[in-house]
């Protein structure tokens, strides 16, 4: 049982490392696309997160 748990923990650690490396690659690409004309950084340098625009939903109203 302990060997099985250790194997699962090792696999989880490897998955987390892989996800972190992929996230770093995506963040680096995002920063390179957001560079200004003077080479200033984009959202990552400012410490801000990119938030997608929310869609306004129109709910039906009861007329009586």
Protein backbone atom coordinates (compact mmCIF):
# COMPACT_ATOMS: atom_id res chain seq x y z
CA UNK A 1 0.00 0.00 0.00
CA UNK A 2 2.78 2.44 0.91
CA UNK A 3 4.58 1.72 -2.36
CA UNK A 4 1.42 2.45 -4.32
CA UNK A 5 0.93 5.75 -2.51
CA UNK A 6 4.54 6.76 -3.07
CA UNK A 7 4.19 5.98 -6.78
CA UNK A 8 1.00 8.08 -7.00
CA UNK A 9 2.64 10.97 -5.16
CA UNK A 10 5.61 10.81 -7.54
CA UNK A 11 3.27 10.87 -10.56
CA UNK A 12 1.35 13.82 -9.13
CA UNK A 13 4.58 15.74 -8.54
CA UNK A 14 5.65 15.08 -12.13
CA UNK A 15 2.27 16.29 -13.42
CA UNK A 16 2.46 19.48 -11.36
CA UNK A 17 5.97 20.18 -12.66
CA UNK A 18 4.81 19.61 -16.24
CA UNK A 19 1.82 21.93 -15.77
CA UNK A 20 4.02 24.62 -14.22
CA UNK A 21 6.47 24.46 -17.12
CA UNK A 22 3.59 24.73 -19.64
CA UNK A 23 2.18 27.70 -17.72
CA UNK A 24 5.56 29.40 -17.80
CA UNK A 25 5.76 28.91 -21.56
CA UNK A 26 2.28 30.39 -22.00
CA UNK A 27 3.08 33.36 -19.75
CA UNK A 28 6.31 34.09 -21.62
CA UNK A 29 4.44 34.06 -24.93
CA UNK A 30 1.81 36.37 -23.50
CA UNK A 31 4.40 38.85 -22.26
CA UNK A 32 6.17 38.87 -25.62
CA UNK A 33 2.90 39.67 -27.43
CA UNK A 34 2.09 42.46 -24.96
CA UNK A 35 5.35 44.36 -25.38
CA UNK A 36 4.84 48.02 -26.08
CA UNK A 37 6.68 50.11 -28.67
CA UNK A 38 9.39 51.04 -26.16
CA UNK A 39 9.89 47.45 -24.99
CA UNK A 40 7.90 47.93 -21.83
CA UNK A 41 6.24 44.83 -20.43
CA UNK A 42 2.60 44.01 -20.62
CA UNK A 43 0.20 42.66 -18.01
CA UNK A 44 2.69 40.30 -16.35
CA UNK A 45 5.14 43.11 -15.57
CA UNK A 46 2.35 45.19 -14.07
CA UNK A 47 1.23 42.28 -11.88
CA UNK A 48 -2.24 42.28 -13.43
CA UNK A 49 -4.20 39.30 -14.65
CA UNK A 50 -5.97 39.23 -17.99
CA UNK A 51 -9.70 38.96 -17.34
CA UNK A 52 -11.99 37.94 -20.19
CA UNK A 53 -14.87 40.26 -20.98
CA UNK A 54 -18.11 38.99 -19.47
CA UNK A 55 -21.21 38.64 -21.60
CA UNK A 56 -24.31 40.44 -20.36
CA UNK A 57 -27.21 38.02 -20.07
CA UNK A 58 -30.78 39.17 -20.58
CA UNK A 59 -33.24 37.21 -18.42
CA UNK A 60 -36.95 37.10 -19.22
CA UNK A 61 -39.23 39.11 -16.90
CA UNK A 62 -42.68 38.02 -15.70
CA UNK A 63 -45.43 40.22 -17.17
CA UNK A 64 -48.23 39.14 -14.91
